Amino acid sequence: MAKTAAERQKAYRERRGQDHRLNLYVTADAGAALARLCKLCRLPQREMLERLILTAEADHLQTLTPDSQEWLEYHGQIEAWEPEP
Protein backbone atom coordinates (compact mmCIF):
# COMPACT_ATOMS: atom_id res chain seq x y z
CA MET A 1 0.00 0.00 0.00
CA ALA A 2 1.33 3.45 -0.89
CA LYS A 3 2.23 5.84 1.90
CA THR A 4 0.41 9.10 2.37
CA ALA A 5 2.29 12.39 2.09
CA ALA A 6 2.20 12.72 5.88
CA GLU A 7 3.69 9.23 6.31
CA ARG A 8 6.46 9.97 3.82
CA GLN A 9 7.23 13.26 5.57
CA LYS A 10 7.33 11.56 8.98
CA ALA A 11 9.72 8.88 7.68
CA TYR A 12 11.93 11.56 6.11
CA ARG A 13 12.14 13.50 9.38
CA GLU A 14 12.99 10.33 11.29
CA ARG A 15 15.83 9.59 8.84
CA ARG A 16 17.21 13.10 9.38
CA GLY A 17 17.69 12.30 13.06
CA GLN A 18 19.18 15.19 15.01
CA ASP A 19 19.66 17.48 12.00
CA HIS A 20 18.30 21.01 12.45
CA ARG A 21 16.20 22.41 9.61
CA LEU A 22 16.82 25.97 8.41
CA ASN A 23 14.31 27.69 6.16
CA LEU A 24 15.43 31.22 5.41
CA TYR A 25 16.09 33.90 2.86
CA VAL A 26 19.45 35.61 2.46
CA THR A 27 20.33 38.71 0.48
CA ALA A 28 21.17 38.34 -3.20
CA ASP A 29 24.80 39.24 -2.41
CA ALA A 30 25.05 36.57 0.29
CA GLY A 31 23.41 33.99 -1.97
CA ALA A 32 25.81 34.78 -4.80
CA ALA A 33 28.79 34.61 -2.45
CA LEU A 34 27.59 31.24 -1.16
CA ALA A 35 27.21 29.96 -4.72
CA ARG A 36 30.73 31.11 -5.60
CA LEU A 37 32.23 29.51 -2.49
CA CYS A 38 30.40 26.25 -3.18
CA LYS A 39 31.64 26.19 -6.76
CA LEU A 40 35.20 27.05 -5.72
CA CYS A 41 35.33 24.33 -3.05
CA ARG A 42 33.10 21.88 -4.95
CA LEU A 43 30.78 21.54 -1.99
CA PRO A 44 26.99 21.52 -1.65
CA GLN A 45 25.43 24.51 0.10
CA ARG A 46 24.69 22.51 3.25
CA GLU A 47 28.30 21.46 3.72
CA MET A 48 29.62 24.94 2.94
CA LEU A 49 27.25 26.57 5.45
CA GLU A 50 28.17 23.99 8.10
CA ARG A 51 31.88 24.67 7.55
CA LEU A 52 31.42 28.45 7.68
CA ILE A 53 29.35 28.29 10.86
CA LEU A 54 31.64 25.86 12.67
CA THR A 55 34.76 27.79 11.61
CA ALA A 56 33.26 31.06 12.86
CA GLU A 57 32.40 29.45 16.18
CA ALA A 58 35.87 27.90 16.53
CA ASP A 59 37.43 31.32 15.86
CA HIS A 60 35.20 32.89 18.52
CA LEU A 61 35.94 30.16 21.08
CA GLN A 62 39.66 30.82 20.69
CA THR A 63 39.05 34.33 22.03
CA LEU A 64 37.46 32.96 25.22
CA THR A 65 39.13 31.59 28.33
CA PRO A 66 37.56 28.25 29.35
CA ASP A 67 35.23 28.60 32.34
CA SER A 68 35.37 32.41 32.16
CA GLN A 69 32.20 34.47 32.47
CA GLU A 70 32.08 34.95 28.69
CA TRP A 71 32.67 31.24 28.02
CA LEU A 72 29.89 30.23 30.40
CA GLU A 73 27.52 32.81 28.92
CA TYR A 74 28.27 31.64 25.39
CA HIS A 75 27.58 28.05 26.31
CA GLY A 76 24.36 29.03 28.08
CA GLN A 77 25.46 27.89 31.51
CA ILE A 78 24.74 31.25 33.11
CA GLU A 79 22.67 34.25 32.20
CA ALA A 80 24.43 37.09 30.43
CA TRP A 81 25.57 39.76 32.86
CA GLU A 82 23.70 43.03 32.75
CA PRO A 83 24.76 46.06 34.80
CA GLU A 84 22.30 47.28 37.38
CA PRO A 85 20.69 50.66 36.64
PDB file of N, CA and C in Angstrom:
ATOM      1  N   MET A   1       0.840  -1.185   0.000  1.00  0.00           N
ATOM      2  CA  MET A   1       0.000   0.000   0.000  1.00  0.00           C
ATOM      3  C   MET A   1       0.886   1.250   0.000  1.00  0.00           C
ATOM      4  N   ALA A   2       0.545   2.222  -0.787  1.00  0.00           N
ATOM      5  CA  ALA A   2       1.325   3.452  -0.895  1.00  0.00           C
ATOM      6  C   ALA A   2       1.179   4.286   0.378  1.00  0.00           C
ATOM      7  N   LYS A   3       2.246   4.978   0.720  1.00  0.00           N
ATOM      8  CA  LYS A   3       2.228   5.845   1.895  1.00  0.00           C
ATOM      9  C   LYS A   3       1.582   7.174   1.553  1.00  0.00           C
ATOM     10  N   THR A   4       0.966   7.766   2.556  1.00  0.00           N
ATOM     11  CA  THR A   4       0.413   9.101   2.375  1.00  0.00           C
ATOM     12  C   THR A   4       1.557  10.113   2.433  1.00  0.00           C
ATOM     13  N   ALA A   5       1.276  11.329   2.026  1.00  0.00           N
ATOM     14  CA  ALA A   5       2.289  12.385   2.087  1.00  0.00           C
ATOM     15  C   ALA A   5       2.759  12.591   3.526  1.00  0.00           C
ATOM     16  N   ALA A   6       1.840  12.532   4.467  1.00  0.00           N
ATOM     17  CA  ALA A   6       2.198  12.719   5.882  1.00  0.00           C
ATOM     18  C   ALA A   6       3.108  11.592   6.363  1.00  0.00           C
ATOM     19  N   GLU A   7       2.844  10.367   5.922  1.00  0.00           N
ATOM     20  CA  GLU A   7       3.686   9.232   6.313  1.00  0.00           C
ATOM     21  C   GLU A   7       5.084   9.346   5.716  1.00  0.00           C
ATOM     22  N   ARG A   8       5.151   9.780   4.462  1.00  0.00           N
ATOM     23  CA  ARG A   8       6.464   9.970   3.820  1.00  0.00           C
ATOM     24  C   ARG A   8       7.252  11.065   4.522  1.00  0.00           C
ATOM     25  N   GLN A   9       6.571  12.155   4.876  1.00  0.00           N
ATOM     26  CA  GLN A   9       7.230  13.259   5.572  1.00  0.00           C
ATOM     27  C   GLN A   9       7.726  12.812   6.943  1.00  0.00           C
ATOM     28  N   LYS A  10       6.929  12.055   7.659  1.00  0.00           N
ATOM     29  CA  LYS A  10       7.328  11.562   8.975  1.00  0.00           C
ATOM     30  C   LYS A  10       8.560  10.664   8.858  1.00  0.00           C
ATOM     31  N   ALA A  11       8.575   9.776   7.880  1.00  0.00           N
ATOM     32  CA  ALA A  11       9.722   8.882   7.677  1.00  0.00           C
ATOM     33  C   ALA A  11      10.971   9.684   7.318  1.00  0.00           C
ATOM     34  N   TYR A  12      10.801  10.712   6.487  1.00  0.00           N
ATOM     35  CA  TYR A  12      11.934  11.562   6.107  1.00  0.00           C
ATOM     36  C   TYR A  12      12.515  12.246   7.336  1.00  0.00           C
ATOM     37  N   ARG A  13      11.668  12.806   8.174  1.00  0.00           N
ATOM     38  CA  ARG A  13      12.143  13.498   9.379  1.00  0.00           C
ATOM     39  C   ARG A  13      12.847  12.537  10.331  1.00  0.00           C
ATOM     40  N   GLU A  14      12.341  11.327  10.430  1.00  0.00           N
ATOM     41  CA  GLU A  14      12.987  10.329  11.289  1.00  0.00           C
ATOM     42  C   GLU A  14      14.370   9.965  10.755  1.00  0.00           C
ATOM     43  N   ARG A  15      14.519   9.890   9.437  1.00  0.00           N
ATOM     44  CA  ARG A  15      15.832   9.594   8.842  1.00  0.00           C
ATOM     45  C   ARG A  15      16.822  10.723   9.081  1.00  0.00           C
ATOM     46  N   ARG A  16      16.325  11.944   9.178  1.00  0.00           N
ATOM     47  CA  ARG A  16      17.213  13.097   9.380  1.00  0.00           C
ATOM     48  C   ARG A  16      17.787  13.112  10.792  1.00  0.00           C
ATOM     49  N   GLY A  17      17.169  12.401  11.698  1.00  0.00           N
ATOM     50  CA  GLY A  17      17.693  12.296  13.058  1.00  0.00           C
ATOM     51  C   GLY A  17      17.770  13.633  13.764  1.00  0.00           C
ATOM     52  N   GLN A  18      18.970  13.988  14.209  1.00  0.00           N
ATOM     53  CA  GLN A  18      19.177  15.191  15.007  1.00  0.00           C
ATOM     54  C   GLN A  18      19.484  16.424  14.165  1.00  0.00           C
ATOM     55  N   ASP A  19      19.401  16.319  12.851  1.00  0.00           N
ATOM     56  CA  ASP A  19      19.662  17.483  12.003  1.00  0.00           C
ATOM     57  C   ASP A  19      18.674  18.596  12.329  1.00  0.00           C
ATOM     58  N   HIS A  20      19.120  19.831  12.163  1.00  0.00           N
ATOM     59  CA  HIS A  20      18.304  21.015  12.449  1.00  0.00           C
ATOM     60  C   HIS A  20      17.934  21.671  11.130  1.00  0.00           C
ATOM     61  N   ARG A  21      16.657  21.845  10.876  1.00  0.00           N
ATOM     62  CA  ARG A  21      16.196  22.412   9.612  1.00  0.00           C
ATOM     63  C   ARG A  21      16.263  23.938   9.655  1.00  0.00           C
ATOM     64  N   LEU A  22      16.817  24.525   8.590  1.00  0.00           N
ATOM     65  CA  LEU A  22      16.819  25.975   8.409  1.00  0.00           C
ATOM     66  C   LEU A  22      15.989  26.293   7.172  1.00  0.00           C
ATOM     67  N   ASN A  23      15.113  27.254   7.295  1.00  0.00           N
ATOM     68  CA  ASN A  23      14.309  27.692   6.164  1.00  0.00           C
ATOM     69  C   ASN A  23      14.368  29.211   6.180  1.00  0.00           C
ATOM     70  N   LEU A  24      15.206  29.792   5.318  1.00  0.00           N
ATOM     71  CA  LEU A  24      15.434  31.225   5.410  1.00  0.00           C
ATOM     72  C   LEU A  24      15.775  31.832   4.060  1.00  0.00           C
ATOM     73  N   TYR A  25      15.674  33.125   4.014  1.00  0.00           N
ATOM     74  CA  TYR A  25      16.093  33.899   2.856  1.00  0.00           C
ATOM     75  C   TYR A  25      17.355  34.657   3.230  1.00  0.00           C
ATOM     76  N   VAL A  26      18.262  34.780   2.278  1.00  0.00           N
ATOM     77  CA  VAL A  26      19.451  35.612   2.456  1.00  0.00           C
ATOM     78  C   VAL A  26      19.447  36.652   1.345  1.00  0.00           C
ATOM     79  N   THR A  27      20.255  37.685   1.511  1.00  0.00           N
ATOM     80  CA  THR A  27      20.328  38.713   0.477  1.00  0.00           C
ATOM     81  C   THR A  27      20.888  38.118  -0.811  1.00  0.00           C
ATOM     82  N   ALA A  28      20.647  38.796  -1.909  1.00  0.00           N
ATOM     83  CA  ALA A  28      21.173  38.338  -3.197  1.00  0.00           C
ATOM     84  C   ALA A  28      22.694  38.269  -3.159  1.00  0.00           C
ATOM     85  N   ASP A  29      23.331  39.249  -2.510  1.00  0.00           N
ATOM     86  CA  ASP A  29      24.795  39.239  -2.409  1.00  0.00           C
ATOM     87  C   ASP A  29      25.295  38.030  -1.630  1.00  0.00           C
ATOM     88  N   ALA A  30      24.642  37.729  -0.515  1.00  0.00           N
ATOM     89  CA  ALA A  30      25.051  36.574   0.288  1.00  0.00           C
ATOM     90  C   ALA A  30      24.808  35.274  -0.472  1.00  0.00           C
ATOM     91  N   GLY A  31      23.700  35.186  -1.177  1.00  0.00           N
ATOM     92  CA  GLY A  31      23.408  33.990  -1.974  1.00  0.00           C
ATOM     93  C   GLY A  31      24.423  33.785  -3.081  1.00  0.00           C
ATOM     94  N   ALA A  32      24.809  34.879  -3.736  1.00  0.00           N
ATOM     95  CA  ALA A  32      25.810  34.781  -4.801  1.00  0.00           C
ATOM     96  C   ALA A  32      27.166  34.391  -4.235  1.00  0.00           C
ATOM     97  N   ALA A  33      27.521  34.960  -3.084  1.00  0.00           N
ATOM     98  CA  ALA A  33      28.793  34.610  -2.448  1.00  0.00           C
ATOM     99  C   ALA A  33      28.801  33.136  -2.056  1.00  0.00           C
ATOM    100  N   LEU A  34      27.690  32.653  -1.523  1.00  0.00           N
ATOM    101  CA  LEU A  34      27.591  31.241  -1.162  1.00  0.00           C
ATOM    102  C   LEU A  34      27.749  30.361  -2.400  1.00  0.00           C
ATOM    103  N   ALA A  35      27.098  30.733  -3.476  1.00  0.00           N
ATOM    104  CA  ALA A  35      27.209  29.956  -4.715  1.00  0.00           C
ATOM    105  C   ALA A  35      28.652  29.923  -5.215  1.00  0.00           C
ATOM    106  N   ARG A  36      29.334  31.070  -5.149  1.00  0.00           N
ATOM    107  CA  ARG A  36      30.734  31.112  -5.598  1.00  0.00           C
ATOM    108  C   ARG A  36      31.622  30.239  -4.722  1.00  0.00           C
ATOM    109  N   LEU A  37      31.436  30.328  -3.404  1.00  0.00           N
ATOM    110  CA  LEU A  37      32.234  29.507  -2.490  1.00  0.00           C
ATOM    111  C   LEU A  37      31.992  28.017  -2.730  1.00  0.00           C
ATOM    112  N   CYS A  38      30.725  27.653  -2.933  1.00  0.00           N
ATOM    113  CA  CYS A  38      30.396  26.249  -3.185  1.00  0.00           C
ATOM    114  C   CYS A  38      31.057  25.754  -4.464  1.00  0.00           C
ATOM    115  N   LYS A  39      31.017  26.579  -5.486  1.00  0.00           N
ATOM    116  CA  LYS A  39      31.639  26.193  -6.758  1.00  0.00           C
ATOM    117  C   LYS A  39      33.151  26.080  -6.591  1.00  0.00           C
ATOM    118  N   LEU A  40      33.758  27.047  -5.925  1.00  0.00           N
ATOM    119  CA  LEU A  40      35.203  27.048  -5.715  1.00  0.00           C
ATOM    120  C   LEU A  40      35.663  25.802  -4.965  1.00  0.00           C
ATOM    121  N   CYS A  41      34.940  25.457  -3.914  1.00  0.00           N
ATOM    122  CA  CYS A  41      35.329  24.328  -3.053  1.00  0.00           C
ATOM    123  C   CYS A  41      34.689  23.008  -3.470  1.00  0.00           C
ATOM    124  N   ARG A  42      33.817  23.075  -4.477  1.00  0.00           N
ATOM    125  CA  ARG A  42      33.098  21.883  -4.952  1.00  0.00           C
ATOM    126  C   ARG A  42      32.336  21.204  -3.811  1.00  0.00           C
ATOM    127  N   LEU A  43      31.569  22.025  -3.116  1.00  0.00           N
ATOM    128  CA  LEU A  43      30.778  21.541  -1.986  1.00  0.00           C
ATOM    129  C   LEU A  43      29.314  21.919  -2.174  1.00  0.00           C
ATOM    130  N   PRO A  44      28.400  21.111  -1.658  1.00  0.00           N
ATOM    131  CA  PRO A  44      26.993  21.519  -1.650  1.00  0.00           C
ATOM    132  C   PRO A  44      26.779  22.638  -0.625  1.00  0.00           C
ATOM    133  N   GLN A  45      25.703  23.379  -0.784  1.00  0.00           N
ATOM    134  CA  GLN A  45      25.430  24.508   0.104  1.00  0.00           C
ATOM    135  C   GLN A  45      25.391  24.087   1.567  1.00  0.00           C
ATOM    136  N   ARG A  46      24.784  22.961   1.855  1.00  0.00           N
ATOM    137  CA  ARG A  46      24.691  22.510   3.246  1.00  0.00           C
ATOM    138  C   ARG A  46      26.077  22.363   3.858  1.00  0.00           C
ATOM    139  N   GLU A  47      26.969  21.678   3.160  1.00  0.00           N
ATOM    140  CA  GLU A  47      28.299  21.457   3.718  1.00  0.00           C
ATOM    141  C   GLU A  47      29.073  22.767   3.847  1.00  0.00           C
ATOM    142  N   MET A  48      28.930  23.657   2.875  1.00  0.00           N
ATOM    143  CA  MET A  48      29.624  24.941   2.943  1.00  0.00           C
ATOM    144  C   MET A  48      29.117  25.752   4.133  1.00  0.00           C
ATOM    145  N   LEU A  49      27.806  25.824   4.317  1.00  0.00           N
ATOM    146  CA  LEU A  49      27.254  26.566   5.454  1.00  0.00           C
ATOM    147  C   LEU A  49      27.710  25.964   6.778  1.00  0.00           C
ATOM    148  N   GLU A  50      27.711  24.636   6.871  1.00  0.00           N
ATOM    149  CA  GLU A  50      28.175  23.993   8.098  1.00  0.00           C
ATOM    150  C   GLU A  50      29.625  24.365   8.382  1.00  0.00           C
ATOM    151  N   ARG A  51      30.465  24.329   7.360  1.00  0.00           N
ATOM    152  CA  ARG A  51      31.881  24.673   7.554  1.00  0.00           C
ATOM    153  C   ARG A  51      32.049  26.120   7.983  1.00  0.00           C
ATOM    154  N   LEU A  52      31.315  27.028   7.335  1.00  0.00           N
ATOM    155  CA  LEU A  52      31.420  28.446   7.683  1.00  0.00           C
ATOM    156  C   LEU A  52      30.972  28.698   9.123  1.00  0.00           C
ATOM    157  N   ILE A  53      29.868  28.094   9.510  1.00  0.00           N
ATOM    158  CA  ILE A  53      29.346  28.287  10.863  1.00  0.00           C
ATOM    159  C   ILE A  53      30.304  27.725  11.900  1.00  0.00           C
ATOM    160  N   LEU A  54      30.758  26.499  11.691  1.00  0.00           N
ATOM    161  CA  LEU A  54      31.642  25.863  12.671  1.00  0.00           C
ATOM    162  C   LEU A  54      33.002  26.544  12.740  1.00  0.00           C
ATOM    163  N   THR A  55      33.493  27.054  11.611  1.00  0.00           N
ATOM    164  CA  THR A  55      34.760  27.787  11.615  1.00  0.00           C
ATOM    165  C   THR A  55      34.609  29.104  12.370  1.00  0.00           C
ATOM    166  N   ALA A  56      33.497  29.805  12.140  1.00  0.00           N
ATOM    167  CA  ALA A  56      33.259  31.064  12.857  1.00  0.00           C
ATOM    168  C   ALA A  56      33.166  30.817  14.358  1.00  0.00           C
ATOM    169  N   GLU A  57      32.497  29.739  14.754  1.00  0.00           N
ATOM    170  CA  GLU A  57      32.400  29.445  16.183  1.00  0.00           C
ATOM    171  C   GLU A  57      33.766  29.090  16.760  1.00  0.00           C
ATOM    172  N   ALA A  58      34.539  28.280  16.047  1.00  0.00           N
ATOM    173  CA  ALA A  58      35.873  27.902  16.533  1.00  0.00           C
ATOM    174  C   ALA A  58      36.746  29.141  16.706  1.00  0.00           C
ATOM    175  N   ASP A  59      36.668  30.070  15.755  1.00  0.00           N
ATOM    176  CA  ASP A  59      37.431  31.315  15.865  1.00  0.00           C
ATOM    177  C   ASP A  59      37.006  32.099  17.108  1.00  0.00           C
ATOM    178  N   HIS A  60      35.700  32.163  17.348  1.00  0.00           N
ATOM    179  CA  HIS A  60      35.203  32.887  18.524  1.00  0.00           C
ATOM    180  C   HIS A  60      35.652  32.205  19.815  1.00  0.00           C
ATOM    181  N   LEU A  61      35.561  30.887  19.861  1.00  0.00           N
ATOM    182  CA  LEU A  61      35.939  30.162  21.076  1.00  0.00           C
ATOM    183  C   LEU A  61      37.405  30.366  21.426  1.00  0.00           C
ATOM    184  N   GLN A  62      38.241  30.590  20.421  1.00  0.00           N
ATOM    185  CA  GLN A  62      39.660  30.819  20.692  1.00  0.00           C
ATOM    186  C   GLN A  62      39.890  32.146  21.400  1.00  0.00           C
ATOM    187  N   THR A  63      38.918  33.041  21.348  1.00  0.00           N
ATOM    188  CA  THR A  63      39.054  34.329  22.034  1.00  0.00           C
ATOM    189  C   THR A  63      38.609  34.240  23.490  1.00  0.00           C
ATOM    190  N   LEU A  64      37.997  33.117  23.874  1.00  0.00           N
ATOM    191  CA  LEU A  64      37.463  32.960  25.223  1.00  0.00           C
ATOM    192  C   LEU A  64      38.370  32.090  26.083  1.00  0.00           C
ATOM    193  N   THR A  65      38.426  32.419  27.362  1.00  0.00           N
ATOM    194  CA  THR A  65      39.132  31.591  28.333  1.00  0.00           C
ATOM    195  C   THR A  65      38.137  30.567  28.869  1.00  0.00           C
ATOM    196  N   PRO A  66      38.493  29.265  28.835  1.00  0.00           N
ATOM    197  CA  PRO A  66      37.564  28.252  29.351  1.00  0.00           C
ATOM    198  C   PRO A  66      37.132  28.572  30.785  1.00  0.00           C
ATOM    199  N   ASP A  67      35.854  28.381  31.034  1.00  0.00           N
ATOM    200  CA  ASP A  67      35.226  28.605  32.340  1.00  0.00           C
ATOM    201  C   ASP A  67      35.178  30.072  32.763  1.00  0.00           C
ATOM    202  N   SER A  68      35.518  30.987  31.855  1.00  0.00           N
ATOM    203  CA  SER A  68      35.369  32.413  32.160  1.00  0.00           C
ATOM    204  C   SER A  68      33.887  32.780  32.076  1.00  0.00           C
ATOM    205  N   GLN A  69      33.575  33.966  32.539  1.00  0.00           N
ATOM    206  CA  GLN A  69      32.199  34.472  32.473  1.00  0.00           C
ATOM    207  C   GLN A  69      31.683  34.426  31.038  1.00  0.00           C
ATOM    208  N   GLU A  70      32.491  34.908  30.091  1.00  0.00           N
ATOM    209  CA  GLU A  70      32.079  34.948  28.691  1.00  0.00           C
ATOM    210  C   GLU A  70      31.878  33.541  28.137  1.00  0.00           C
ATOM    211  N   TRP A  71      32.766  32.621  28.500  1.00  0.00           N
ATOM    212  CA  TRP A  71      32.675  31.243  28.022  1.00  0.00           C
ATOM    213  C   TRP A  71      31.387  30.596  28.526  1.00  0.00           C
ATOM    214  N   LEU A  72      31.099  30.799  29.823  1.00  0.00           N
ATOM    215  CA  LEU A  72      29.886  30.227  30.403  1.00  0.00           C
ATOM    216  C   LEU A  72      28.632  30.843  29.794  1.00  0.00           C
ATOM    217  N   GLU A  73      28.657  32.154  29.555  1.00  0.00           N
ATOM    218  CA  GLU A  73      27.515  32.813  28.923  1.00  0.00           C
ATOM    219  C   GLU A  73      27.300  32.262  27.521  1.00  0.00           C
ATOM    220  N   TYR A  74      28.389  32.129  26.768  1.00  0.00           N
ATOM    221  CA  TYR A  74      28.272  31.645  25.391  1.00  0.00           C
ATOM    222  C   TYR A  74      27.668  30.247  25.356  1.00  0.00           C
ATOM    223  N   HIS A  75      28.076  29.417  26.290  1.00  0.00           N
ATOM    224  CA  HIS A  75      27.580  28.045  26.315  1.00  0.00           C
ATOM    225  C   HIS A  75      26.257  27.907  27.072  1.00  0.00           C
ATOM    226  N   GLY A  76      25.676  29.030  27.468  1.00  0.00           N
ATOM    227  CA  GLY A  76      24.358  29.032  28.078  1.00  0.00           C
ATOM    228  C   GLY A  76      24.305  28.470  29.480  1.00  0.00           C
ATOM    229  N   GLN A  77      25.448  28.444  30.163  1.00  0.00           N
ATOM    230  CA  GLN A  77      25.459  27.886  31.508  1.00  0.00           C
ATOM    231  C   GLN A  77      25.076  28.917  32.561  1.00  0.00           C
ATOM    232  N   ILE A  78      25.186  30.188  32.208  1.00  0.00           N
ATOM    233  CA  ILE A  78      24.736  31.246  33.107  1.00  0.00           C
ATOM    234  C   ILE A  78      24.087  32.329  32.260  1.00  0.00           C
ATOM    235  N   GLU A  79      23.297  33.137  32.899  1.00  0.00           N
ATOM    236  CA  GLU A  79      22.666  34.248  32.198  1.00  0.00           C
ATOM    237  C   GLU A  79      23.708  35.317  31.887  1.00  0.00           C
ATOM    238  N   ALA A  80      23.523  35.997  30.783  1.00  0.00           N
ATOM    239  CA  ALA A  80      24.430  37.086  30.427  1.00  0.00           C
ATOM    240  C   ALA A  80      24.354  38.172  31.497  1.00  0.00           C
ATOM    241  N   TRP A  81      25.498  38.720  31.840  1.00  0.00           N
ATOM    242  CA  TRP A  81      25.569  39.761  32.855  1.00  0.00           C
ATOM    243  C   TRP A  81      25.028  41.059  32.297  1.00  0.00           C
ATOM    244  N   GLU A  82      24.211  41.713  33.108  1.00  0.00           N
ATOM    245  CA  GLU A  82      23.705  43.034  32.750  1.00  0.00           C
ATOM    246  C   GLU A  82      23.949  43.957  33.930  1.00  0.00           C
ATOM    247  N   PRO A  83      24.509  45.138  33.690  1.00  0.00           N
ATOM    248  CA  PRO A  83      24.760  46.060  34.803  1.00  0.00           C
ATOM    249  C   PRO A  83      23.445  46.532  35.407  1.00  0.00           C
ATOM    250  N   GLU A  84      23.491  46.767  36.710  1.00  0.00           N
ATOM    251  CA  GLU A  84      22.301  47.284  37.377  1.00  0.00           C
ATOM    252  C   GLU A  84      22.151  48.758  37.048  1.00  0.00           C
ATOM    253  N   PRO A  85      20.904  49.236  36.966  1.00  0.00           N
ATOM    254  CA  PRO A  85      20.690  50.665  36.638  1.00  0.00           C
ATOM    255  C   PRO A  85      21.146  51.584  37.738  1.00  0.00           C
TER     256      PRO A  85
END
